[in-house]
């Protein structure tokens, strides 16, 4: 079982409503997204119980991707109590994601 939470258009708002969340907007056919996957899993394990780390597959959940204006993937968005507070486009290393999460958890 993976440490990341699978998010959908139907569950998104509820899943990110409280606390800090890091959401990976991705697709299975995207090469860089597949590179981001193992990094995101490490971050999810590291922040278990402190932040929600989730993945939203853009082909099956176009409404949420459109609402956040996701143009290219992977796009990683940090939310605090449902509001966007940070965004990365392209593959990010564990250190960059950890720094951003720590900043919003502080």
PDB file of N, CA and C in Angstrom:
ATOM      1  N   UNK A   1       0.838  -1.196   0.000  1.00  0.00           N
ATOM      2  CA  UNK A   1       0.000   0.000   0.000  1.00  0.00           C
ATOM      3  C   UNK A   1       0.877   1.252   0.000  1.00  0.00           C
ATOM      4  N   UNK A   2       0.510   2.208  -0.820  1.00  0.00           N
ATOM      5  CA  UNK A   2       1.318   3.427  -0.884  1.00  0.00           C
ATOM      6  C   UNK A   2       0.914   4.384   0.232  1.00  0.00           C
ATOM      7  N   UNK A   3       1.837   5.258   0.571  1.00  0.00           N
ATOM      8  CA  UNK A   3       1.616   6.209   1.664  1.00  0.00           C
ATOM      9  C   UNK A   3       0.780   7.408   1.210  1.00  0.00           C
ATOM     10  N   UNK A   4       0.737   7.637  -0.107  1.00  0.00           N
ATOM     11  CA  UNK A   4      -0.025   8.789  -0.603  1.00  0.00           C
ATOM     12  C   UNK A   4      -1.510   8.438  -0.671  1.00  0.00           C
ATOM     13  N   UNK A   5      -2.323   9.458  -0.540  1.00  0.00           N
ATOM     14  CA  UNK A   5      -3.773   9.297  -0.624  1.00  0.00           C
ATOM     15  C   UNK A   5      -4.191   9.548  -2.072  1.00  0.00           C
ATOM     16  N   UNK A   6      -5.031   8.664  -2.608  1.00  0.00           N
ATOM     17  CA  UNK A   6      -5.570   8.870  -3.954  1.00  0.00           C
ATOM     18  C   UNK A   6      -6.718   9.879  -3.839  1.00  0.00           C
ATOM     19  N   UNK A   7      -6.612  10.987  -4.566  1.00  0.00           N
ATOM     20  CA  UNK A   7      -7.637  12.028  -4.532  1.00  0.00           C
ATOM     21  C   UNK A   7      -8.447  11.996  -5.821  1.00  0.00           C
ATOM     22  N   UNK A   8      -9.702  12.407  -5.740  1.00  0.00           N
ATOM     23  CA  UNK A   8     -10.568  12.477  -6.915  1.00  0.00           C
ATOM     24  C   UNK A   8     -11.324  13.809  -6.897  1.00  0.00           C
ATOM     25  N   UNK A   9     -11.964  14.129  -8.015  1.00  0.00           N
ATOM     26  CA  UNK A   9     -12.788  15.335  -8.065  1.00  0.00           C
ATOM     27  C   UNK A   9     -13.829  15.299  -6.939  1.00  0.00           C
ATOM     28  N   UNK A  10     -14.388  14.115  -6.677  1.00  0.00           N
ATOM     29  CA  UNK A  10     -15.467  13.969  -5.693  1.00  0.00           C
ATOM     30  C   UNK A  10     -14.972  14.162  -4.259  1.00  0.00           C
ATOM     31  N   UNK A  11     -13.736  13.749  -3.970  1.00  0.00           N
ATOM     32  CA  UNK A  11     -13.252  13.771  -2.579  1.00  0.00           C
ATOM     33  C   UNK A  11     -12.280  14.907  -2.288  1.00  0.00           C
ATOM     34  N   UNK A  12     -11.842  15.617  -3.311  1.00  0.00           N
ATOM     35  CA  UNK A  12     -10.736  16.563  -3.167  1.00  0.00           C
ATOM     36  C   UNK A  12     -10.952  17.584  -2.052  1.00  0.00           C
ATOM     37  N   UNK A  13     -12.050  18.333  -2.106  1.00  0.00           N
ATOM     38  CA  UNK A  13     -12.276  19.416  -1.137  1.00  0.00           C
ATOM     39  C   UNK A  13     -12.287  18.892   0.299  1.00  0.00           C
ATOM     40  N   UNK A  14     -12.929  17.759   0.505  1.00  0.00           N
ATOM     41  CA  UNK A  14     -13.003  17.158   1.831  1.00  0.00           C
ATOM     42  C   UNK A  14     -11.609  16.715   2.298  1.00  0.00           C
ATOM     43  N   UNK A  15     -10.818  16.140   1.381  1.00  0.00           N
ATOM     44  CA  UNK A  15      -9.506  15.602   1.752  1.00  0.00           C
ATOM     45  C   UNK A  15      -8.481  16.685   2.094  1.00  0.00           C
ATOM     46  N   UNK A  16      -8.633  17.886   1.551  1.00  0.00           N
ATOM     47  CA  UNK A  16      -7.645  18.948   1.795  1.00  0.00           C
ATOM     48  C   UNK A  16      -8.194  20.091   2.651  1.00  0.00           C
ATOM     49  N   UNK A  17      -9.386  19.918   3.214  1.00  0.00           N
ATOM     50  CA  UNK A  17     -10.056  21.005   3.942  1.00  0.00           C
ATOM     51  C   UNK A  17      -9.308  21.437   5.199  1.00  0.00           C
ATOM     52  N   UNK A  18      -8.671  20.492   5.888  1.00  0.00           N
ATOM     53  CA  UNK A  18      -8.042  20.804   7.170  1.00  0.00           C
ATOM     54  C   UNK A  18      -6.553  20.509   7.146  1.00  0.00           C
ATOM     55  N   UNK A  19      -5.777  21.445   7.694  1.00  0.00           N
ATOM     56  CA  UNK A  19      -4.337  21.238   7.797  1.00  0.00           C
ATOM     57  C   UNK A  19      -3.614  21.484   6.487  1.00  0.00           C
ATOM     58  N   UNK A  20      -2.407  20.933   6.394  1.00  0.00           N
ATOM     59  CA  UNK A  20      -1.539  21.134   5.234  1.00  0.00           C
ATOM     60  C   UNK A  20      -1.606  19.901   4.339  1.00  0.00           C
ATOM     61  N   UNK A  21      -1.710  20.141   3.043  1.00  0.00           N
ATOM     62  CA  UNK A  21      -1.753  19.047   2.071  1.00  0.00           C
ATOM     63  C   UNK A  21      -0.816  19.352   0.914  1.00  0.00           C
ATOM     64  N   UNK A  22      -0.155  18.317   0.418  1.00  0.00           N
ATOM     65  CA  UNK A  22       0.674  18.391  -0.789  1.00  0.00           C
ATOM     66  C   UNK A  22       0.008  17.492  -1.805  1.00  0.00           C
ATOM     67  N   UNK A  23      -0.399  18.070  -2.937  1.00  0.00           N
ATOM     68  CA  UNK A  23      -1.113  17.307  -3.955  1.00  0.00           C
ATOM     69  C   UNK A  23      -0.300  17.276  -5.248  1.00  0.00           C
ATOM     70  N   UNK A  24      -0.086  16.059  -5.739  1.00  0.00           N
ATOM     71  CA  UNK A  24       0.615  15.829  -6.999  1.00  0.00           C
ATOM     72  C   UNK A  24      -0.435  15.635  -8.088  1.00  0.00           C
ATOM     73  N   UNK A  25      -0.488  16.563  -9.035  1.00  0.00           N
ATOM     74  CA  UNK A  25      -1.353  16.426 -10.212  1.00  0.00           C
ATOM     75  C   UNK A  25      -0.524  15.686 -11.257  1.00  0.00           C
ATOM     76  N   UNK A  26      -0.955  14.505 -11.674  1.00  0.00           N
ATOM     77  CA  UNK A  26      -0.125  13.615 -12.482  1.00  0.00           C
ATOM     78  C   UNK A  26      -0.971  12.789 -13.456  1.00  0.00           C
ATOM     79  N   UNK A  27      -0.288  12.027 -14.307  1.00  0.00           N
ATOM     80  CA  UNK A  27      -0.942  11.055 -15.192  1.00  0.00           C
ATOM     81  C   UNK A  27       0.021   9.886 -15.412  1.00  0.00           C
ATOM     82  N   UNK A  28      -0.512   8.673 -15.595  1.00  0.00           N
ATOM     83  CA  UNK A  28       0.351   7.495 -15.734  1.00  0.00           C
ATOM     84  C   UNK A  28       1.231   7.515 -16.994  1.00  0.00           C
ATOM     85  N   UNK A  29       0.822   8.246 -18.024  1.00  0.00           N
ATOM     86  CA  UNK A  29       1.591   8.299 -19.273  1.00  0.00           C
ATOM     87  C   UNK A  29       2.708   9.338 -19.239  1.00  0.00           C
ATOM     88  N   UNK A  30       2.807  10.093 -18.152  1.00  0.00           N
ATOM     89  CA  UNK A  30       3.766  11.198 -18.038  1.00  0.00           C
ATOM     90  C   UNK A  30       5.073  10.694 -17.424  1.00  0.00           C
ATOM     91  N   UNK A  31       6.153  10.727 -18.198  1.00  0.00           N
ATOM     92  CA  UNK A  31       7.460  10.267 -17.726  1.00  0.00           C
ATOM     93  C   UNK A  31       7.953  10.978 -16.474  1.00  0.00           C
ATOM     94  N   UNK A  32       7.988  12.318 -16.480  1.00  0.00           N
ATOM     95  CA  UNK A  32       8.419  13.034 -15.271  1.00  0.00           C
ATOM     96  C   UNK A  32       7.545  12.712 -14.049  1.00  0.00           C
ATOM     97  N   UNK A  33       6.237  12.465 -14.289  1.00  0.00           N
ATOM     98  CA  UNK A  33       5.343  12.106 -13.173  1.00  0.00           C
ATOM     99  C   UNK A  33       5.787  10.786 -12.549  1.00  0.00           C
ATOM    100  N   UNK A  34       6.208   9.847 -13.387  1.00  0.00           N
ATOM    101  CA  UNK A  34       6.671   8.553 -12.870  1.00  0.00           C
ATOM    102  C   UNK A  34       7.966   8.726 -12.082  1.00  0.00           C
ATOM    103  N   UNK A  35       8.790   9.704 -12.463  1.00  0.00           N
ATOM    104  CA  UNK A  35      10.011  10.005 -11.689  1.00  0.00           C
ATOM    105  C   UNK A  35       9.643  10.631 -10.340  1.00  0.00           C
ATOM    106  N   UNK A  36       8.591  11.459 -10.326  1.00  0.00           N
ATOM    107  CA  UNK A  36       8.172  12.137  -9.103  1.00  0.00           C
ATOM    108  C   UNK A  36       7.569  11.160  -8.097  1.00  0.00           C
ATOM    109  N   UNK A  37       6.952  10.092  -8.584  1.00  0.00           N
ATOM    110  CA  UNK A  37       6.232   9.139  -7.740  1.00  0.00           C
ATOM    111  C   UNK A  37       6.997   8.630  -6.519  1.00  0.00           C
ATOM    112  N   UNK A  38       8.195   8.030  -6.708  1.00  0.00           N
ATOM    113  CA  UNK A  38       8.938   7.515  -5.550  1.00  0.00           C
ATOM    114  C   UNK A  38       9.368   8.607  -4.573  1.00  0.00           C
ATOM    115  N   UNK A  39       9.633   9.809  -5.084  1.00  0.00           N
ATOM    116  CA  UNK A  39      10.008  10.943  -4.222  1.00  0.00           C
ATOM    117  C   UNK A  39       8.799  11.320  -3.361  1.00  0.00           C
ATOM    118  N   UNK A  40       7.633  11.385  -3.992  1.00  0.00           N
ATOM    119  CA  UNK A  40       6.412  11.739  -3.268  1.00  0.00           C
ATOM    120  C   UNK A  40       6.105  10.694  -2.194  1.00  0.00           C
ATOM    121  N   UNK A  41       6.345   9.432  -2.506  1.00  0.00           N
ATOM    122  CA  UNK A  41       6.074   8.374  -1.530  1.00  0.00           C
ATOM    123  C   UNK A  41       6.958   8.536  -0.287  1.00  0.00           C
ATOM    124  N   UNK A  42       8.237   8.898  -0.490  1.00  0.00           N
ATOM    125  CA  UNK A  42       9.139   9.155   0.652  1.00  0.00           C
ATOM    126  C   UNK A  42       8.618  10.309   1.498  1.00  0.00           C
ATOM    127  N   UNK A  43       8.191  11.391   0.829  1.00  0.00           N
ATOM    128  CA  UNK A  43       7.667  12.561   1.537  1.00  0.00           C
ATOM    129  C   UNK A  43       6.396  12.171   2.307  1.00  0.00           C
ATOM    130  N   UNK A  44       5.542  11.359   1.690  1.00  0.00           N
ATOM    131  CA  UNK A  44       4.296  10.931   2.340  1.00  0.00           C
ATOM    132  C   UNK A  44       4.592  10.159   3.619  1.00  0.00           C
ATOM    133  N   UNK A  45       5.585   9.282   3.573  1.00  0.00           N
ATOM    134  CA  UNK A  45       5.950   8.510   4.763  1.00  0.00           C
ATOM    135  C   UNK A  45       6.528   9.429   5.838  1.00  0.00           C
ATOM    136  N   UNK A  46       7.381  10.358   5.416  1.00  0.00           N
ATOM    137  CA  UNK A  46       8.031  11.283   6.351  1.00  0.00           C
ATOM    138  C   UNK A  46       7.013  12.167   7.075  1.00  0.00           C
ATOM    139  N   UNK A  47       5.946  12.564   6.377  1.00  0.00           N
ATOM    140  CA  UNK A  47       4.972  13.506   6.936  1.00  0.00           C
ATOM    141  C   UNK A  47       3.661  12.829   7.359  1.00  0.00           C
ATOM    142  N   UNK A  48       3.656  11.509   7.448  1.00  0.00           N
ATOM    143  CA  UNK A  48       2.453  10.784   7.875  1.00  0.00           C
ATOM    144  C   UNK A  48       2.016  11.312   9.239  1.00  0.00           C
ATOM    145  N   UNK A  49       0.744  11.665   9.349  1.00  0.00           N
ATOM    146  CA  UNK A  49       0.222  12.190  10.608  1.00  0.00           C
ATOM    147  C   UNK A  49       0.399  13.692  10.776  1.00  0.00           C
ATOM    148  N   UNK A  50       1.230  14.299   9.915  1.00  0.00           N
ATOM    149  CA  UNK A  50       1.467  15.753  10.013  1.00  0.00           C
ATOM    150  C   UNK A  50       0.827  16.505   8.851  1.00  0.00           C
ATOM    151  N   UNK A  51       0.858  15.895   7.656  1.00  0.00           N
ATOM    152  CA  UNK A  51       0.305  16.529   6.457  1.00  0.00           C
ATOM    153  C   UNK A  51      -0.296  15.448   5.562  1.00  0.00           C
ATOM    154  N   UNK A  52      -1.275  15.836   4.775  1.00  0.00           N
ATOM    155  CA  UNK A  52      -1.845  14.931   3.777  1.00  0.00           C
ATOM    156  C   UNK A  52      -0.982  15.028   2.524  1.00  0.00           C
ATOM    157  N   UNK A  53      -0.555  13.894   2.004  1.00  0.00           N
ATOM    158  CA  UNK A  53       0.172  13.874   0.734  1.00  0.00           C
ATOM    159  C   UNK A  53      -0.663  13.022  -0.210  1.00  0.00           C
ATOM    160  N   UNK A  54      -1.125  13.656  -1.291  1.00  0.00           N
ATOM    161  CA  UNK A  54      -2.034  12.964  -2.191  1.00  0.00           C
ATOM    162  C   UNK A  54      -1.664  13.113  -3.645  1.00  0.00           C
ATOM    163  N   UNK A  55      -2.286  12.235  -4.449  1.00  0.00           N
ATOM    164  CA  UNK A  55      -2.089  12.253  -5.896  1.00  0.00           C
ATOM    165  C   UNK A  55      -3.460  12.376  -6.553  1.00  0.00           C
ATOM    166  N   UNK A  56      -3.537  13.266  -7.541  1.00  0.00           N
ATOM    167  CA  UNK A  56      -4.768  13.411  -8.303  1.00  0.00           C
ATOM    168  C   UNK A  56      -4.443  13.143  -9.765  1.00  0.00           C
ATOM    169  N   UNK A  57      -5.023  12.077 -10.308  1.00  0.00           N
ATOM    170  CA  UNK A  57      -4.783  11.689 -11.696  1.00  0.00           C
ATOM    171  C   UNK A  57      -5.638  12.592 -12.589  1.00  0.00           C
ATOM    172  N   UNK A  58      -4.974  13.433 -13.399  1.00  0.00           N
ATOM    173  CA  UNK A  58      -5.671  14.514 -14.112  1.00  0.00           C
ATOM    174  C   UNK A  58      -6.620  14.025 -15.205  1.00  0.00           C
ATOM    175  N   UNK A  59      -6.329  12.902 -15.848  1.00  0.00           N
ATOM    176  CA  UNK A  59      -7.214  12.426 -16.914  1.00  0.00           C
ATOM    177  C   UNK A  59      -8.571  11.990 -16.365  1.00  0.00           C
ATOM    178  N   UNK A  60      -8.565  11.377 -15.181  1.00  0.00           N
ATOM    179  CA  UNK A  60      -9.815  10.895 -14.587  1.00  0.00           C
ATOM    180  C   UNK A  60     -10.500  11.943 -13.719  1.00  0.00           C
ATOM    181  N   UNK A  61      -9.786  13.030 -13.405  1.00  0.00           N
ATOM    182  CA  UNK A  61     -10.319  14.067 -12.509  1.00  0.00           C
ATOM    183  C   UNK A  61     -10.049  15.459 -13.078  1.00  0.00           C
ATOM    184  N   UNK A  62     -10.615  15.744 -14.257  1.00  0.00           N
ATOM    185  CA  UNK A  62     -10.280  17.001 -14.942  1.00  0.00           C
ATOM    186  C   UNK A  62     -10.818  18.257 -14.253  1.00  0.00           C
ATOM    187  N   UNK A  63     -11.874  18.130 -13.469  1.00  0.00           N
ATOM    188  CA  UNK A  63     -12.488  19.326 -12.879  1.00  0.00           C
ATOM    189  C   UNK A  63     -11.564  20.004 -11.875  1.00  0.00           C
ATOM    190  N   UNK A  64     -10.946  19.216 -10.998  1.00  0.00           N
ATOM    191  CA  UNK A  64     -10.056  19.800  -9.990  1.00  0.00           C
ATOM    192  C   UNK A  64      -8.805  20.364 -10.659  1.00  0.00           C
ATOM    193  N   UNK A  65      -8.264  19.638 -11.633  1.00  0.00           N
ATOM    194  CA  UNK A  65      -7.082  20.131 -12.352  1.00  0.00           C
ATOM    195  C   UNK A  65      -7.396  21.466 -13.032  1.00  0.00           C
ATOM    196  N   UNK A  66      -8.558  21.570 -13.647  1.00  0.00           N
ATOM    197  CA  UNK A  66      -8.962  22.809 -14.322  1.00  0.00           C
ATOM    198  C   UNK A  66      -9.159  23.931 -13.302  1.00  0.00           C
ATOM    199  N   UNK A  67      -9.770  23.614 -12.177  1.00  0.00           N
ATOM    200  CA  UNK A  67     -10.039  24.622 -11.150  1.00  0.00           C
ATOM    201  C   UNK A  67      -8.745  25.260 -10.641  1.00  0.00           C
ATOM    202  N   UNK A  68      -7.672  24.455 -10.573  1.00  0.00           N
ATOM    203  CA  UNK A  68      -6.382  24.978 -10.113  1.00  0.00           C
ATOM    204  C   UNK A  68      -5.494  25.446 -11.268  1.00  0.00           C
ATOM    205  N   UNK A  69      -6.023  25.426 -12.490  1.00  0.00           N
ATOM    206  CA  UNK A  69      -5.278  25.928 -13.640  1.00  0.00           C
ATOM    207  C   UNK A  69      -4.026  25.126 -13.942  1.00  0.00           C
ATOM    208  N   UNK A  70      -4.085  23.804 -13.714  1.00  0.00           N
ATOM    209  CA  UNK A  70      -2.923  22.958 -13.980  1.00  0.00           C
ATOM    210  C   UNK A  70      -2.761  22.816 -15.493  1.00  0.00           C
ATOM    211  N   UNK A  71      -1.624  23.334 -15.999  1.00  0.00           N
ATOM    212  CA  UNK A  71      -1.360  23.330 -17.436  1.00  0.00           C
ATOM    213  C   UNK A  71      -0.389  22.227 -17.840  1.00  0.00           C
ATOM    214  N   UNK A  72       0.579  21.944 -16.975  1.00  0.00           N
ATOM    215  CA  UNK A  72       1.544  20.892 -17.285  1.00  0.00           C
ATOM    216  C   UNK A  72       1.741  20.043 -16.040  1.00  0.00           C
ATOM    217  N   UNK A  73       2.149  18.816 -16.253  1.00  0.00           N
ATOM    218  CA  UNK A  73       2.325  17.897 -15.131  1.00  0.00           C
ATOM    219  C   UNK A  73       3.736  17.320 -15.156  1.00  0.00           C
ATOM    220  N   UNK A  74       4.295  16.956 -14.011  1.00  0.00           N
ATOM    221  CA  UNK A  74       3.651  17.059 -12.709  1.00  0.00           C
ATOM    222  C   UNK A  74       3.597  18.499 -12.196  1.00  0.00           C
ATOM    223  N   UNK A  75       2.455  18.836 -11.602  1.00  0.00           N
ATOM    224  CA  UNK A  75       2.313  20.072 -10.833  1.00  0.00           C
ATOM    225  C   UNK A  75       2.026  19.639  -9.411  1.00  0.00           C
ATOM    226  N   UNK A  76       2.769  20.193  -8.460  1.00  0.00           N
ATOM    227  CA  UNK A  76       2.567  19.880  -7.047  1.00  0.00           C
ATOM    228  C   UNK A  76       2.096  21.145  -6.351  1.00  0.00           C
ATOM    229  N   UNK A  77       0.945  21.055  -5.700  1.00  0.00           N
ATOM    230  CA  UNK A  77       0.355  22.210  -5.042  1.00  0.00           C
ATOM    231  C   UNK A  77       0.273  21.946  -3.544  1.00  0.00           C
ATOM    232  N   UNK A  78       0.698  22.937  -2.769  1.00  0.00           N
ATOM    233  CA  UNK A  78       0.574  22.858  -1.316  1.00  0.00           C
ATOM    234  C   UNK A  78      -0.646  23.688  -0.912  1.00  0.00           C
ATOM    235  N   UNK A  79      -1.501  23.076  -0.116  1.00  0.00           N
ATOM    236  CA  UNK A  79      -2.706  23.750   0.369  1.00  0.00           C
ATOM    237  C   UNK A  79      -2.689  23.781   1.882  1.00  0.00           C
ATOM    238  N   UNK A  80      -3.206  24.865   2.433  1.00  0.00           N
ATOM    239  CA  UNK A  80      -3.379  24.971   3.878  1.00  0.00           C
ATOM    240  C   UNK A  80      -4.846  25.285   4.114  1.00  0.00           C
ATOM    241  N   UNK A  81      -5.528  24.387   4.817  1.00  0.00           N
ATOM    242  CA  UNK A  81      -6.970  24.514   5.057  1.00  0.00           C
ATOM    243  C   UNK A  81      -7.735  24.782   3.758  1.00  0.00           C
ATOM    244  N   UNK A  82      -7.354  24.059   2.702  1.00  0.00           N
ATOM    245  CA  UNK A  82      -8.058  24.122   1.428  1.00  0.00           C
ATOM    246  C   UNK A  82      -7.640  25.233   0.486  1.00  0.00           C
ATOM    247  N   UNK A  83      -6.761  26.137   0.942  1.00  0.00           N
ATOM    248  CA  UNK A  83      -6.331  27.270   0.105  1.00  0.00           C
ATOM    249  C   UNK A  83      -4.904  27.036  -0.388  1.00  0.00           C
ATOM    250  N   UNK A  84      -4.673  27.323  -1.668  1.00  0.00           N
ATOM    251  CA  UNK A  84      -3.326  27.144  -2.228  1.00  0.00           C
ATOM    252  C   UNK A  84      -2.340  28.124  -1.590  1.00  0.00           C
ATOM    253  N   UNK A  85      -1.210  27.581  -1.117  1.00  0.00           N
ATOM    254  CA  UNK A  85      -0.162  28.425  -0.524  1.00  0.00           C
ATOM    255  C   UNK A  85       1.190  28.225  -1.208  1.00  0.00           C
ATOM    256  N   UNK A  86       1.277  27.266  -2.123  1.00  0.00           N
ATOM    257  CA  UNK A  86       2.532  27.034  -2.834  1.00  0.00           C
ATOM    258  C   UNK A  86       2.310  26.144  -4.031  1.00  0.00           C
ATOM    259  N   UNK A  87       3.210  26.269  -5.029  1.00  0.00           N
ATOM    260  CA  UNK A  87       3.065  25.481  -6.251  1.00  0.00           C
ATOM    261  C   UNK A  87       4.433  25.226  -6.863  1.00  0.00           C
ATOM    262  N   UNK A  88       4.615  24.013  -7.334  1.00  0.00           N
ATOM    263  CA  UNK A  88       5.816  23.627  -8.075  1.00  0.00           C
ATOM    264  C   UNK A  88       5.367  23.017  -9.387  1.00  0.00           C
ATOM    265  N   UNK A  89       6.086  23.309 -10.473  1.00  0.00           N
ATOM    266  CA  UNK A  89       5.814  22.656 -11.754  1.00  0.00           C
ATOM    267  C   UNK A  89       7.084  21.928 -12.157  1.00  0.00           C
ATOM    268  N   UNK A  90       6.933  20.658 -12.500  1.00  0.00           N
ATOM    269  CA  UNK A  90       8.082  19.828 -12.840  1.00  0.00           C
ATOM    270  C   UNK A  90       8.529  19.003 -11.641  1.00  0.00           C
ATOM    271  N   UNK A  91       9.433  18.083 -11.895  1.00  0.00           N
ATOM    272  CA  UNK A  91       9.900  17.165 -10.852  1.00  0.00           C
ATOM    273  C   UNK A  91      10.641  17.938  -9.758  1.00  0.00           C
ATOM    274  N   UNK A  92      10.285  17.656  -8.507  1.00  0.00           N
ATOM    275  CA  UNK A  92      10.902  18.307  -7.349  1.00  0.00           C
ATOM    276  C   UNK A  92      11.575  17.253  -6.485  1.00  0.00           C
ATOM    277  N   UNK A  93      12.708  17.607  -5.883  1.00  0.00           N
ATOM    278  CA  UNK A  93      13.378  16.648  -5.010  1.00  0.00           C
ATOM    279  C   UNK A  93      12.756  16.671  -3.619  1.00  0.00           C
ATOM    280  N   UNK A  94      13.100  15.656  -2.843  1.00  0.00           N
ATOM    281  CA  UNK A  94      12.532  15.499  -1.508  1.00  0.00           C
ATOM    282  C   UNK A  94      12.825  16.710  -0.623  1.00  0.00           C
ATOM    283  N   UNK A  95      14.021  17.261  -0.729  1.00  0.00           N
ATOM    284  CA  UNK A  95      14.423  18.400   0.104  1.00  0.00           C
ATOM    285  C   UNK A  95      13.536  19.619  -0.162  1.00  0.00           C
ATOM    286  N   UNK A  96      13.270  19.920  -1.425  1.00  0.00           N
ATOM    287  CA  UNK A  96      12.446  21.087  -1.775  1.00  0.00           C
ATOM    288  C   UNK A  96      11.023  20.922  -1.244  1.00  0.00           C
ATOM    289  N   UNK A  97      10.473  19.724  -1.386  1.00  0.00           N
ATOM    290  CA  UNK A  97       9.109  19.484  -0.913  1.00  0.00           C
ATOM    291  C   UNK A  97       9.054  19.524   0.613  1.00  0.00           C
ATOM    292  N   UNK A  98      10.071  18.974   1.261  1.00  0.00           N
ATOM    293  CA  UNK A  98      10.126  18.977   2.727  1.00  0.00           C
ATOM    294  C   UNK A  98      10.232  20.407   3.268  1.00  0.00           C
ATOM    295  N   UNK A  99      11.092  21.216   2.636  1.00  0.00           N
ATOM    296  CA  UNK A  99      11.233  22.624   3.050  1.00  0.00           C
ATOM    297  C   UNK A  99       9.900  23.354   2.964  1.00  0.00           C
ATOM    298  N   UNK A 100       9.200  23.149   1.857  1.00  0.00           N
ATOM    299  CA  UNK A 100       7.918  23.836   1.650  1.00  0.00           C
ATOM    300  C   UNK A 100       6.883  23.362   2.672  1.00  0.00           C
ATOM    301  N   UNK A 101       6.827  22.075   2.930  1.00  0.00           N
ATOM    302  CA  UNK A 101       5.872  21.565   3.917  1.00  0.00           C
ATOM    303  C   UNK A 101       6.215  22.081   5.311  1.00  0.00           C
ATOM    304  N   UNK A 102       7.490  22.034   5.671  1.00  0.00           N
ATOM    305  CA  UNK A 102       7.913  22.511   6.998  1.00  0.00           C
ATOM    306  C   UNK A 102       7.519  23.968   7.209  1.00  0.00           C
ATOM    307  N   UNK A 103       7.686  24.780   6.163  1.00  0.00           N
ATOM    308  CA  UNK A 103       7.372  26.203   6.234  1.00  0.00           C
ATOM    309  C   UNK A 103       5.879  26.399   6.575  1.00  0.00           C
ATOM    310  N   UNK A 104       5.005  25.572   5.990  1.00  0.00           N
ATOM    311  CA  UNK A 104       3.572  25.755   6.204  1.00  0.00           C
ATOM    312  C   UNK A 104       3.064  25.017   7.435  1.00  0.00           C
ATOM    313  N   UNK A 105       3.838  24.067   7.932  1.00  0.00           N
ATOM    314  CA  UNK A 105       3.455  23.364   9.160  1.00  0.00           C
ATOM    315  C   UNK A 105       3.893  24.135  10.410  1.00  0.00           C
ATOM    316  N   UNK A 106       4.877  25.032  10.238  1.00  0.00           N
ATOM    317  CA  UNK A 106       5.434  25.772  11.380  1.00  0.00           C
ATOM    318  C   UNK A 106       4.408  26.691  12.017  1.00  0.00           C
TER     319      UNK A 106
END
